[in-house]
């Protein structure tokens, strides 16, 4: 499982989840699937030769494999091992832990829910890639503009004007320096805030709905299923924002006399589609909005740090020669 260059870490969790789904769907026992994924399970030279040299999240996978082999809780091992990861990645691993917990407690088939979870993680990774693309143009322009004041200072020195002295030893120069630095800092903070607001906060959209459907597939009652999901959400910090949705679907199932699990899966798909669309829209909007800090902060900072000192040096030199 070779890590792709500059791939968002959330995609690595999605890859692990997808491979787990394939192994379990192919008939591999869930506990054994972790041993196959663990980085130290190669048993012969040929397997060792083709295995990737580095596995993202290897310590988390290894902890889950050890827990499975020793008969301990795989879900607890996942959550414990992921505690030091960045928030989005930690939440993703905890989402996988919640799926494993509900499947273990309810006796439900886990492969389908793992596939859905992997799809959600990969969609979130694509959204993060889109955000990087949206940021690339303004970021490159900002770096270029940041370097231009140095060019302006060197240009002034080449013309015989001591722009550095003007910038650091005169009152107008110090005012330009202070204002320019503040504008650059403000632009960077503005950029960071817009990127943070555009980044999806729900790492596992529709997960509680899917977990309820999975628990129902284990043969339990709706009350038992919802109790398991609530316990999983409490243990692993999963956002349970779809309580009303689940109640509505359960009511529809009772009135229509149709299986509630399929209705819940359809509702979870809808939640994921909406989350994916919202992420794509946020990335597209960000590409335009990032031009605001560039025009309002970065370009004026260039004028203050690169152009104004040269003009001040020219004016002071002209006045001194009169």
C-alpha atoms as a PDB file:
ATOM      1  CA  UNK A   1       0.000   0.000   0.000  1.00  0.00           C
ATOM      2  CA  UNK A   2       2.445   2.605  -1.205  1.00  0.00           C
ATOM      3  CA  UNK A   3       1.635   6.134  -0.141  1.00  0.00           C
ATOM      4  CA  UNK A   4       0.915   8.474  -3.031  1.00  0.00           C
ATOM      5  CA  UNK A   5       2.929  11.654  -3.222  1.00  0.00           C
ATOM      6  CA  UNK A   6       1.139  14.487  -1.420  1.00  0.00           C
ATOM      7  CA  UNK A   7      -2.005  12.394  -0.972  1.00  0.00           C
ATOM      8  CA  UNK A   8      -4.283  13.663   1.815  1.00  0.00           C
ATOM      9  CA  UNK A   9      -3.885  11.389   4.861  1.00  0.00           C
ATOM     10  CA  UNK A  10      -7.636  10.756   4.880  1.00  0.00           C
ATOM     11  CA  UNK A  11      -7.222   8.837   1.611  1.00  0.00           C
ATOM     12  CA  UNK A  12      -4.838   6.421   3.310  1.00  0.00           C
ATOM     13  CA  UNK A  13      -7.560   5.571   5.824  1.00  0.00           C
ATOM     14  CA  UNK A  14      -9.952   5.146   2.910  1.00  0.00           C
ATOM     15  CA  UNK A  15      -7.552   2.737   1.214  1.00  0.00           C
ATOM     16  CA  UNK A  16      -7.254   0.615   4.355  1.00  0.00           C
ATOM     17  CA  UNK A  17     -11.036   0.593   4.745  1.00  0.00           C
ATOM     18  CA  UNK A  18     -11.573  -0.372   1.099  1.00  0.00           C
ATOM     19  CA  UNK A  19      -9.070  -3.225   1.322  1.00  0.00           C
ATOM     20  CA  UNK A  20     -10.721  -4.470   4.477  1.00  0.00           C
ATOM     21  CA  UNK A  21     -14.064  -4.452   2.660  1.00  0.00           C
ATOM     22  CA  UNK A  22     -12.649  -6.480  -0.236  1.00  0.00           C
ATOM     23  CA  UNK A  23     -11.004  -9.027   2.056  1.00  0.00           C
ATOM     24  CA  UNK A  24     -14.118  -9.498   4.179  1.00  0.00           C
ATOM     25  CA  UNK A  25     -16.403  -9.692   1.126  1.00  0.00           C
ATOM     26  CA  UNK A  26     -14.094 -12.360  -0.337  1.00  0.00           C
ATOM     27  CA  UNK A  27     -14.688 -14.560   2.696  1.00  0.00           C
ATOM     28  CA  UNK A  28     -11.698 -13.690   4.867  1.00  0.00           C
ATOM     29  CA  UNK A  29     -12.594 -13.671   8.555  1.00  0.00           C
ATOM     30  CA  UNK A  30     -12.730 -10.071   9.841  1.00  0.00           C
ATOM     31  CA  UNK A  31     -10.043 -10.718  12.468  1.00  0.00           C
ATOM     32  CA  UNK A  32      -7.768 -12.371   9.900  1.00  0.00           C
ATOM     33  CA  UNK A  33      -8.204  -9.442   7.500  1.00  0.00           C
ATOM     34  CA  UNK A  34      -6.270  -7.190   9.864  1.00  0.00           C
ATOM     35  CA  UNK A  35      -3.383  -9.658   9.962  1.00  0.00           C
ATOM     36  CA  UNK A  36      -3.168  -9.619   6.165  1.00  0.00           C
ATOM     37  CA  UNK A  37      -3.064  -5.825   6.150  1.00  0.00           C
ATOM     38  CA  UNK A  38      -0.501  -5.503   8.940  1.00  0.00           C
ATOM     39  CA  UNK A  39       3.012  -4.617   7.701  1.00  0.00           C
ATOM     40  CA  UNK A  40       4.695  -7.556   9.452  1.00  0.00           C
ATOM     41  CA  UNK A  41       2.621 -10.402   8.026  1.00  0.00           C
ATOM     42  CA  UNK A  42       4.884 -11.258   5.091  1.00  0.00           C
ATOM     43  CA  UNK A  43       5.818 -14.911   5.352  1.00  0.00           C
ATOM     44  CA  UNK A  44       8.102 -15.464   2.408  1.00  0.00           C
ATOM     45  CA  UNK A  45      10.684 -13.640   0.345  1.00  0.00           C
ATOM     46  CA  UNK A  46       8.367 -13.114  -2.610  1.00  0.00           C
ATOM     47  CA  UNK A  47       5.717 -11.433  -0.473  1.00  0.00           C
ATOM     48  CA  UNK A  48       8.381  -9.358   1.237  1.00  0.00           C
ATOM     49  CA  UNK A  49       9.726  -8.216  -2.129  1.00  0.00           C
ATOM     50  CA  UNK A  50       6.397  -6.927  -3.432  1.00  0.00           C
ATOM     51  CA  UNK A  51       5.257  -5.375  -0.183  1.00  0.00           C
ATOM     52  CA  UNK A  52       5.390  -1.574   0.025  1.00  0.00           C
ATOM     53  CA  UNK A  53       8.314  -0.260   2.050  1.00  0.00           C
ATOM     54  CA  UNK A  54       6.113   2.026   4.125  1.00  0.00           C
ATOM     55  CA  UNK A  55       2.479   1.648   5.069  1.00  0.00           C
ATOM     56  CA  UNK A  56       0.549   4.764   6.140  1.00  0.00           C
ATOM     57  CA  UNK A  57      -1.000   4.184   9.545  1.00  0.00           C
ATOM     58  CA  UNK A  58       1.102   1.034   9.972  1.00  0.00           C
ATOM     59  CA  UNK A  59       1.166   1.318  13.764  1.00  0.00           C
ATOM     60  CA  UNK A  60      -2.637   1.578  13.857  1.00  0.00           C
ATOM     61  CA  UNK A  61      -3.088  -1.435  11.576  1.00  0.00           C
ATOM     62  CA  UNK A  62      -0.534  -3.403  13.598  1.00  0.00           C
ATOM     63  CA  UNK A  63      -2.339  -2.553  16.846  1.00  0.00           C
ATOM     64  CA  UNK A  64      -5.644  -3.733  15.374  1.00  0.00           C
ATOM     65  CA  UNK A  65      -4.020  -6.947  14.122  1.00  0.00           C
ATOM     66  CA  UNK A  66      -2.533  -7.642  17.554  1.00  0.00           C
ATOM     67  CA  UNK A  67      -5.879  -7.021  19.217  1.00  0.00           C
ATOM     68  CA  UNK A  68      -7.610  -9.369  16.772  1.00  0.00           C
ATOM     69  CA  UNK A  69      -5.005 -12.084  17.335  1.00  0.00           C
ATOM     70  CA  UNK A  70      -5.206 -11.792  21.119  1.00  0.00           C
ATOM     71  CA  UNK A  71      -8.994 -11.632  21.207  1.00  0.00           C
ATOM     72  CA  UNK A  72      -9.099  -8.028  22.416  1.00  0.00           C
ATOM     73  CA  UNK A  73     -11.319  -5.255  21.102  1.00  0.00           C
ATOM     74  CA  UNK A  74     -10.183  -4.193  17.626  1.00  0.00           C
ATOM     75  CA  UNK A  75     -12.322  -1.056  17.858  1.00  0.00           C
ATOM     76  CA  UNK A  76     -10.687   0.055  21.096  1.00  0.00           C
ATOM     77  CA  UNK A  77      -7.229  -0.640  19.654  1.00  0.00           C
ATOM     78  CA  UNK A  78      -7.999   1.491  16.589  1.00  0.00           C
ATOM     79  CA  UNK A  79      -9.237   4.416  18.659  1.00  0.00           C
ATOM     80  CA  UNK A  80      -6.301   4.196  21.084  1.00  0.00           C
ATOM     81  CA  UNK A  81      -3.660   4.020  18.361  1.00  0.00           C
ATOM     82  CA  UNK A  82      -5.171   6.896  16.378  1.00  0.00           C
ATOM     83  CA  UNK A  83      -5.265   9.266  19.362  1.00  0.00           C
ATOM     84  CA  UNK A  84      -2.113  11.106  18.239  1.00  0.00           C
ATOM     85  CA  UNK A  85      -3.195  11.689  14.629  1.00  0.00           C
ATOM     86  CA  UNK A  86      -4.462  14.980  13.227  1.00  0.00           C
ATOM     87  CA  UNK A  87      -8.182  15.562  13.958  1.00  0.00           C
ATOM     88  CA  UNK A  88      -9.631  14.568  10.564  1.00  0.00           C
ATOM     89  CA  UNK A  89      -7.527  11.400  10.352  1.00  0.00           C
ATOM     90  CA  UNK A  90      -8.261  10.505  13.969  1.00  0.00           C
ATOM     91  CA  UNK A  91     -11.996  10.908  13.313  1.00  0.00           C
ATOM     92  CA  UNK A  92     -11.707   8.696  10.234  1.00  0.00           C
ATOM     93  CA  UNK A  93     -10.017   5.895  12.188  1.00  0.00           C
ATOM     94  CA  UNK A  94     -12.622   6.289  14.927  1.00  0.00           C
ATOM     95  CA  UNK A  95     -15.338   5.978  12.276  1.00  0.00           C
ATOM     96  CA  UNK A  96     -13.786   2.691  11.209  1.00  0.00           C
ATOM     97  CA  UNK A  97     -13.655   1.660  14.874  1.00  0.00           C
ATOM     98  CA  UNK A  98     -17.364   2.460  15.240  1.00  0.00           C
ATOM     99  CA  UNK A  99     -18.215   0.299  12.214  1.00  0.00           C
ATOM    100  CA  UNK A 100     -16.194  -2.566  13.655  1.00  0.00           C
ATOM    101  CA  UNK A 101     -17.831  -2.171  17.068  1.00  0.00           C
ATOM    102  CA  UNK A 102     -21.395  -2.237  15.711  1.00  0.00           C
ATOM    103  CA  UNK A 103     -20.637  -5.178  13.403  1.00  0.00           C
ATOM    104  CA  UNK A 104     -19.073  -7.144  16.251  1.00  0.00           C
ATOM    105  CA  UNK A 105     -21.878  -6.451  18.719  1.00  0.00           C
ATOM    106  CA  UNK A 106     -24.755  -7.002  16.283  1.00  0.00           C
ATOM    107  CA  UNK A 107     -23.299  -9.866  14.249  1.00  0.00           C
ATOM    108  CA  UNK A 108     -24.024  -7.945  11.043  1.00  0.00           C
ATOM    109  CA  UNK A 109     -22.080  -8.310   7.762  1.00  0.00           C
ATOM    110  CA  UNK A 110     -19.522  -5.545   7.744  1.00  0.00           C
ATOM    111  CA  UNK A 111     -18.309  -5.447   4.122  1.00  0.00           C
ATOM    112  CA  UNK A 112     -21.010  -3.190   2.685  1.00  0.00           C
ATOM    113  CA  UNK A 113     -20.690  -0.585   5.417  1.00  0.00           C
ATOM    114  CA  UNK A 114     -16.904  -0.636   5.007  1.00  0.00           C
ATOM    115  CA  UNK A 115     -17.309   0.073   1.290  1.00  0.00           C
ATOM    116  CA  UNK A 116     -19.584   3.033   2.009  1.00  0.00           C
ATOM    117  CA  UNK A 117     -17.180   4.363   4.618  1.00  0.00           C
ATOM    118  CA  UNK A 118     -14.214   4.023   2.254  1.00  0.00           C
ATOM    119  CA  UNK A 119     -16.159   5.903  -0.415  1.00  0.00           C
ATOM    120  CA  UNK A 120     -16.868   8.737   2.041  1.00  0.00           C
ATOM    121  CA  UNK A 121     -13.182   8.960   3.036  1.00  0.00           C
ATOM    122  CA  UNK A 122     -12.021   8.993  -0.588  1.00  0.00           C
ATOM    123  CA  UNK A 123     -14.574  11.671  -1.484  1.00  0.00           C
ATOM    124  CA  UNK A 124     -13.295  13.786   1.395  1.00  0.00           C
ATOM    125  CA  UNK A 125      -9.735  13.241   0.186  1.00  0.00           C
ATOM    126  CA  UNK A 126     -10.753  14.444  -3.277  1.00  0.00           C
ATOM    127  CA  UNK A 127     -12.315  17.539  -1.718  1.00  0.00           C
ATOM    128  CA  UNK A 128      -9.038  18.242   0.075  1.00  0.00           C
ATOM    129  CA  UNK A 129      -7.216  17.863  -3.237  1.00  0.00           C
ATOM    130  CA  UNK A 130      -9.658  20.334  -4.813  1.00  0.00           C
ATOM    131  CA  UNK A 131      -8.941  22.786  -2.004  1.00  0.00           C
ATOM    132  CA  UNK A 132      -5.205  22.434  -2.660  1.00  0.00           C
ATOM    133  CA  UNK A 133      -5.777  23.140  -6.350  1.00  0.00           C
ATOM    134  CA  UNK A 134      -7.910  26.174  -5.494  1.00  0.00           C
ATOM    135  CA  UNK A 135      -5.133  27.481  -3.255  1.00  0.00           C
ATOM    136  CA  UNK A 136      -2.267  26.790  -5.661  1.00  0.00           C
ATOM    137  CA  UNK A 137      -2.739  29.824  -7.936  1.00  0.00           C
ATOM    138  CA  UNK A 138      -3.213  32.495  -5.241  1.00  0.00           C
ATOM    139  CA  UNK A 139      -0.456  30.935  -3.112  1.00  0.00           C
ATOM    140  CA  UNK A 140       2.040  31.002  -5.994  1.00  0.00           C
ATOM    141  CA  UNK A 141       1.105  34.608  -6.768  1.00  0.00           C
ATOM    142  CA  UNK A 142       1.475  35.589  -3.111  1.00  0.00           C
ATOM    143  CA  UNK A 143       4.949  34.006  -2.979  1.00  0.00           C
ATOM    144  CA  UNK A 144       5.966  35.875  -6.110  1.00  0.00           C
ATOM    145  CA  UNK A 145       4.649  39.175  -4.791  1.00  0.00           C
ATOM    146  CA  UNK A 146       6.397  38.539  -1.453  1.00  0.00           C
ATOM    147  CA  UNK A 147       9.719  38.272  -3.284  1.00  0.00           C
ATOM    148  CA  UNK A 148       9.149  41.431  -5.322  1.00  0.00           C
ATOM    149  CA  UNK A 149      10.007  43.889  -2.495  1.00  0.00           C
ATOM    150  CA  UNK A 150      13.520  42.420  -2.443  1.00  0.00           C
ATOM    151  CA  UNK A 151      13.714  43.011  -6.188  1.00  0.00           C
ATOM    152  CA  UNK A 152      12.496  46.573  -5.657  1.00  0.00           C
ATOM    153  CA  UNK A 153      15.152  47.227  -3.016  1.00  0.00           C
ATOM    154  CA  UNK A 154      17.907  45.779  -5.227  1.00  0.00           C
ATOM    155  CA  UNK A 155      16.614  47.789  -8.171  1.00  0.00           C
ATOM    156  CA  UNK A 156      16.807  50.968  -6.098  1.00  0.00           C
ATOM    157  CA  UNK A 157      20.341  50.137  -4.978  1.00  0.00           C
ATOM    158  CA  UNK A 158      21.285  49.546  -8.596  1.00  0.00           C
ATOM    159  CA  UNK A 159      20.013  53.005  -9.474  1.00  0.00           C
ATOM    160  CA  UNK A 160      22.073  54.507  -6.663  1.00  0.00           C
ATOM    161  CA  UNK A 161      19.287  55.013  -4.101  1.00  0.00           C
ATOM    162  CA  UNK A 162      19.735  53.616  -0.594  1.00  0.00           C
ATOM    163  CA  UNK A 163      16.235  52.171  -0.223  1.00  0.00           C
ATOM    164  CA  UNK A 164      17.233  50.011   2.749  1.00  0.00           C
ATOM    165  CA  UNK A 165      18.320  53.063   4.713  1.00  0.00           C
ATOM    166  CA  UNK A 166      15.085  54.811   3.762  1.00  0.00           C
ATOM    167  CA  UNK A 167      13.014  51.805   4.839  1.00  0.00           C
ATOM    168  CA  UNK A 168      14.691  51.203   8.204  1.00  0.00           C
ATOM    169  CA  UNK A 169      15.941  54.614   9.389  1.00  0.00           C
ATOM    170  CA  UNK A 170      13.293  57.147   8.364  1.00  0.00           C
ATOM    171  CA  UNK A 171       9.860  57.685   9.876  1.00  0.00           C
ATOM    172  CA  UNK A 172       7.985  57.270   6.550  1.00  0.00           C
ATOM    173  CA  UNK A 173      10.068  54.174   5.753  1.00  0.00           C
ATOM    174  CA  UNK A 174       9.352  52.589   9.125  1.00  0.00           C
ATOM    175  CA  UNK A 175       5.655  53.360   8.665  1.00  0.00           C
ATOM    176  CA  UNK A 176       5.722  51.601   5.272  1.00  0.00           C
ATOM    177  CA  UNK A 177       7.636  48.657   6.760  1.00  0.00           C
ATOM    178  CA  UNK A 178       5.199  48.250   9.649  1.00  0.00           C
ATOM    179  CA  UNK A 179       2.108  48.596   7.485  1.00  0.00           C
ATOM    180  CA  UNK A 180       3.497  46.256   4.825  1.00  0.00           C
ATOM    181  CA  UNK A 181       4.372  43.498   7.292  1.00  0.00           C
ATOM    182  CA  UNK A 182       0.964  43.820   8.959  1.00  0.00           C
ATOM    183  CA  UNK A 183      -0.755  43.554   5.583  1.00  0.00           C
ATOM    184  CA  UNK A 184       1.218  40.407   4.724  1.00  0.00           C
ATOM    185  CA  UNK A 185       0.339  38.803   8.069  1.00  0.00           C
ATOM    186  CA  UNK A 186      -3.309  39.806   7.690  1.00  0.00           C
ATOM    187  CA  UNK A 187      -3.406  38.291   4.200  1.00  0.00           C
ATOM    188  CA  UNK A 188      -1.941  35.008   5.443  1.00  0.00           C
ATOM    189  CA  UNK A 189      -4.437  34.821   8.329  1.00  0.00           C
ATOM    190  CA  UNK A 190      -7.308  35.650   5.993  1.00  0.00           C
ATOM    191  CA  UNK A 191      -6.234  32.896   3.607  1.00  0.00           C
ATOM    192  CA  UNK A 192      -5.964  30.382   6.441  1.00  0.00           C
ATOM    193  CA  UNK A 193      -9.395  31.261   7.781  1.00  0.00           C
ATOM    194  CA  UNK A 194     -11.083  30.868   4.391  1.00  0.00           C
ATOM    195  CA  UNK A 195      -9.395  27.512   3.815  1.00  0.00           C
ATOM    196  CA  UNK A 196     -10.457  26.321   7.268  1.00  0.00           C
ATOM    197  CA  UNK A 197     -14.066  27.354   6.627  1.00  0.00           C
ATOM    198  CA  UNK A 198     -14.086  25.610   3.239  1.00  0.00           C
ATOM    199  CA  UNK A 199     -12.676  22.344   4.624  1.00  0.00           C
ATOM    200  CA  UNK A 200     -15.447  19.788   5.331  1.00  0.00           C
ATOM    201  CA  UNK A 201     -15.938  19.275   9.050  1.00  0.00           C
ATOM    202  CA  UNK A 202     -17.929  16.052   8.895  1.00  0.00           C
ATOM    203  CA  UNK A 203     -15.405  13.342   8.078  1.00  0.00           C
ATOM    204  CA  UNK A 204     -17.984  10.542   8.229  1.00  0.00           C
ATOM    205  CA  UNK A 205     -21.199  11.877   6.624  1.00  0.00           C
ATOM    206  CA  UNK A 206     -24.168   9.550   7.010  1.00  0.00           C
ATOM    207  CA  UNK A 207     -22.214   7.113   9.166  1.00  0.00           C
ATOM    208  CA  UNK A 208     -24.759   6.863  11.985  1.00  0.00           C
ATOM    209  CA  UNK A 209     -27.493   6.134   9.440  1.00  0.00           C
ATOM    210  CA  UNK A 210     -25.345   3.415   7.870  1.00  0.00           C
ATOM    211  CA  UNK A 211     -24.488   1.994  11.279  1.00  0.00           C
ATOM    212  CA  UNK A 212     -28.182   1.753  12.149  1.00  0.00           C
ATOM    213  CA  UNK A 213     -28.855  -0.108   8.901  1.00  0.00           C
ATOM    214  CA  UNK A 214     -25.932  -2.433   9.581  1.00  0.00           C
ATOM    215  CA  UNK A 215     -27.120  -3.158  13.117  1.00  0.00           C
ATOM    216  CA  UNK A 216     -30.592  -3.935  11.757  1.00  0.00           C
ATOM    217  CA  UNK A 217     -29.022  -6.342   9.254  1.00  0.00           C
ATOM    218  CA  UNK A 218     -27.702  -8.297  12.234  1.00  0.00           C
ATOM    219  CA  UNK A 219     -31.267  -9.276  13.085  1.00  0.00           C
ATOM    220  CA  UNK A 220     -31.808  -6.990  16.063  1.00  0.00           C
ATOM    221  CA  UNK A 221     -34.728  -4.686  16.767  1.00  0.00           C
ATOM    222  CA  UNK A 222     -34.686  -1.029  15.865  1.00  0.00           C
ATOM    223  CA  UNK A 223     -34.327  -0.080  19.534  1.00  0.00           C
ATOM    224  CA  UNK A 224     -31.373  -2.447  19.919  1.00  0.00           C
ATOM    225  CA  UNK A 225     -29.790  -1.055  16.735  1.00  0.00           C
ATOM    226  CA  UNK A 226     -30.171   2.552  17.817  1.00  0.00           C
ATOM    227  CA  UNK A 227     -28.777   1.733  21.238  1.00  0.00           C
ATOM    228  CA  UNK A 228     -25.674   0.179  19.666  1.00  0.00           C
ATOM    229  CA  UNK A 229     -25.184   3.169  17.382  1.00  0.00           C
ATOM    230  CA  UNK A 230     -25.560   5.602  20.280  1.00  0.00           C
ATOM    231  CA  UNK A 231     -22.976   3.640  22.263  1.00  0.00           C
ATOM    232  CA  UNK A 232     -20.581   3.605  19.283  1.00  0.00           C
ATOM    233  CA  UNK A 233     -21.033   7.356  18.803  1.00  0.00           C
ATOM    234  CA  UNK A 234     -20.327   7.950  22.493  1.00  0.00           C
ATOM    235  CA  UNK A 235     -17.235   5.737  22.609  1.00  0.00           C
ATOM    236  CA  UNK A 236     -15.602   6.918  19.409  1.00  0.00           C
ATOM    237  CA  UNK A 237     -16.727  10.538  19.197  1.00  0.00           C
ATOM    238  CA  UNK A 238     -18.870  10.159  16.075  1.00  0.00           C
ATOM    239  CA  UNK A 239     -21.187  13.056  15.321  1.00  0.00           C
ATOM    240  CA  UNK A 240     -24.776  11.822  15.604  1.00  0.00           C
ATOM    241  CA  UNK A 241     -26.485  14.564  13.598  1.00  0.00           C
ATOM    242  CA  UNK A 242     -29.100  12.408  11.857  1.00  0.00           C
ATOM    243  CA  UNK A 243     -31.399  11.351  14.689  1.00  0.00           C
ATOM    244  CA  UNK A 244     -34.433  12.973  13.083  1.00  0.00           C
ATOM    245  CA  UNK A 245     -33.571  11.448   9.728  1.00  0.00           C
ATOM    246  CA  UNK A 246     -33.457   7.979  11.261  1.00  0.00           C
ATOM    247  CA  UNK A 247     -36.779   8.561  13.051  1.00  0.00           C
ATOM    248  CA  UNK A 248     -38.377   9.716   9.798  1.00  0.00           C
ATOM    249  CA  UNK A 249     -37.125   6.667   7.897  1.00  0.00           C
ATOM    250  CA  UNK A 250     -38.261   4.290  10.636  1.00  0.00           C
ATOM    251  CA  UNK A 251     -41.715   5.898  10.580  1.00  0.00           C
ATOM    252  CA  UNK A 252     -41.909   5.552   6.795  1.00  0.00           C
ATOM    253  CA  UNK A 253     -40.881   1.914   7.040  1.00  0.00           C
ATOM    254  CA  UNK A 254     -43.612   1.206   9.592  1.00  0.00           C
ATOM    255  CA  UNK A 255     -46.300   2.899   7.509  1.00  0.00           C
ATOM    256  CA  UNK A 256     -45.261   1.308   4.222  1.00  0.00           C
ATOM    257  CA  UNK A 257     -44.349  -2.100   5.616  1.00  0.00           C
ATOM    258  CA  UNK A 258     -40.962  -2.192   3.875  1.00  0.00           C
ATOM    259  CA  UNK A 259     -37.545  -3.198   5.303  1.00  0.00           C
ATOM    260  CA  UNK A 260     -36.039  -0.298   7.200  1.00  0.00           C
ATOM    261  CA  UNK A 261     -32.410  -1.259   6.492  1.00  0.00           C
ATOM    262  CA  UNK A 262     -32.639  -0.551   2.749  1.00  0.00           C
ATOM    263  CA  UNK A 263     -34.367   2.773   3.376  1.00  0.00           C
ATOM    264  CA  UNK A 264     -31.624   3.723   5.818  1.00  0.00           C
ATOM    265  CA  UNK A 265     -28.885   2.849   3.324  1.00  0.00           C
ATOM    266  CA  UNK A 266     -30.576   4.987   0.694  1.00  0.00           C
ATOM    267  CA  UNK A 267     -30.787   7.872   3.142  1.00  0.00           C
ATOM    268  CA  UNK A 268     -27.105   7.473   4.022  1.00  0.00           C
ATOM    269  CA  UNK A 269     -26.251   7.614   0.306  1.00  0.00           C
ATOM    270  CA  UNK A 270     -28.213  10.859   0.022  1.00  0.00           C
ATOM    271  CA  UNK A 271     -26.343  12.397   2.970  1.00  0.00           C
ATOM    272  CA  UNK A 272     -23.005  11.443   1.392  1.00  0.00           C
ATOM    273  CA  UNK A 273     -24.010  12.899  -1.989  1.00  0.00           C
ATOM    274  CA  UNK A 274     -24.972  16.179  -0.343  1.00  0.00           C
ATOM    275  CA  UNK A 275     -21.686  16.278   1.576  1.00  0.00           C
ATOM    276  CA  UNK A 276     -19.711  15.576  -1.606  1.00  0.00           C
ATOM    277  CA  UNK A 277     -21.546  18.315  -3.516  1.00  0.00           C
ATOM    278  CA  UNK A 278     -21.051  20.798  -0.683  1.00  0.00           C
ATOM    279  CA  UNK A 279     -17.325  20.036  -0.626  1.00  0.00           C
ATOM    280  CA  UNK A 280     -16.970  20.530  -4.373  1.00  0.00           C
ATOM    281  CA  UNK A 281     -18.901  23.784  -4.224  1.00  0.00           C
ATOM    282  CA  UNK A 282     -16.756  25.057  -1.349  1.00  0.00           C
ATOM    283  CA  UNK A 283     -13.558  24.283  -3.268  1.00  0.00           C
ATOM    284  CA  UNK A 284     -14.809  26.035  -6.405  1.00  0.00           C
ATOM    285  CA  UNK A 285     -15.899  29.094  -4.418  1.00  0.00           C
ATOM    286  CA  UNK A 286     -12.608  29.224  -2.541  1.00  0.00           C
ATOM    287  CA  UNK A 287     -10.653  29.560  -5.785  1.00  0.00           C
ATOM    288  CA  UNK A 288     -12.420  32.878  -6.405  1.00  0.00           C
ATOM    289  CA  UNK A 289     -12.546  34.150  -2.828  1.00  0.00           C
ATOM    290  CA  UNK A 290      -8.795  33.680  -2.337  1.00  0.00           C
ATOM    291  CA  UNK A 291      -8.246  36.559  -4.756  1.00  0.00           C
ATOM    292  CA  UNK A 292      -9.609  38.952  -2.126  1.00  0.00           C
ATOM    293  CA  UNK A 293      -6.640  38.725   0.291  1.00  0.00           C
ATOM    294  CA  UNK A 294      -4.326  38.922  -2.702  1.00  0.00           C
ATOM    295  CA  UNK A 295      -5.825  42.197  -3.907  1.00  0.00           C
ATOM    296  CA  UNK A 296      -6.629  43.745  -0.537  1.00  0.00           C
ATOM    297  CA  UNK A 297      -3.542  42.726   1.473  1.00  0.00           C
ATOM    298  CA  UNK A 298      -0.698  41.177  -0.527  1.00  0.00           C
ATOM    299  CA  UNK A 299      -0.484  43.625  -3.432  1.00  0.00           C
ATOM    300  CA  UNK A 300      -0.724  46.719  -1.176  1.00  0.00           C
ATOM    301  CA  UNK A 301       1.994  45.162   0.997  1.00  0.00           C
ATOM    302  CA  UNK A 302       4.204  44.916  -2.080  1.00  0.00           C
ATOM    303  CA  UNK A 303       3.595  48.590  -2.833  1.00  0.00           C
ATOM    304  CA  UNK A 304       4.467  49.537   0.745  1.00  0.00           C
ATOM    305  CA  UNK A 305       7.583  47.360   0.994  1.00  0.00           C
ATOM    306  CA  UNK A 306       8.917  47.481  -2.558  1.00  0.00           C
ATOM    307  CA  UNK A 307       7.709  50.596  -4.360  1.00  0.00           C
ATOM    308  CA  UNK A 308       7.179  53.180  -1.615  1.00  0.00           C
ATOM    309  CA  UNK A 309      10.783  53.002  -0.241  1.00  0.00           C
ATOM    310  CA  UNK A 310      12.154  53.551  -3.735  1.00  0.00           C
ATOM    311  CA  UNK A 311       9.902  56.567  -4.273  1.00  0.00           C
ATOM    312  CA  UNK A 312      10.825  57.956  -0.850  1.00  0.00           C
ATOM    313  CA  UNK A 313      14.531  57.498  -1.610  1.00  0.00           C
ATOM    314  CA  UNK A 314      14.141  59.275  -4.951  1.00  0.00           C
ATOM    315  CA  UNK A 315      12.214  62.139  -3.367  1.00  0.00           C
ATOM    316  CA  UNK A 316      14.683  62.564  -0.484  1.00  0.00           C
ATOM    317  CA  UNK A 317      17.633  62.442  -2.886  1.00  0.00           C
ATOM    318  CA  UNK A 318      15.999  65.022  -5.153  1.00  0.00           C
ATOM    319  CA  UNK A 319      15.171  67.331  -2.251  1.00  0.00           C
ATOM    320  CA  UNK A 320      18.716  67.003  -0.853  1.00  0.00           C
ATOM    321  CA  UNK A 321      20.245  67.953  -4.199  1.00  0.00           C
ATOM    322  CA  UNK A 322      18.192  71.136  -4.541  1.00  0.00           C
END
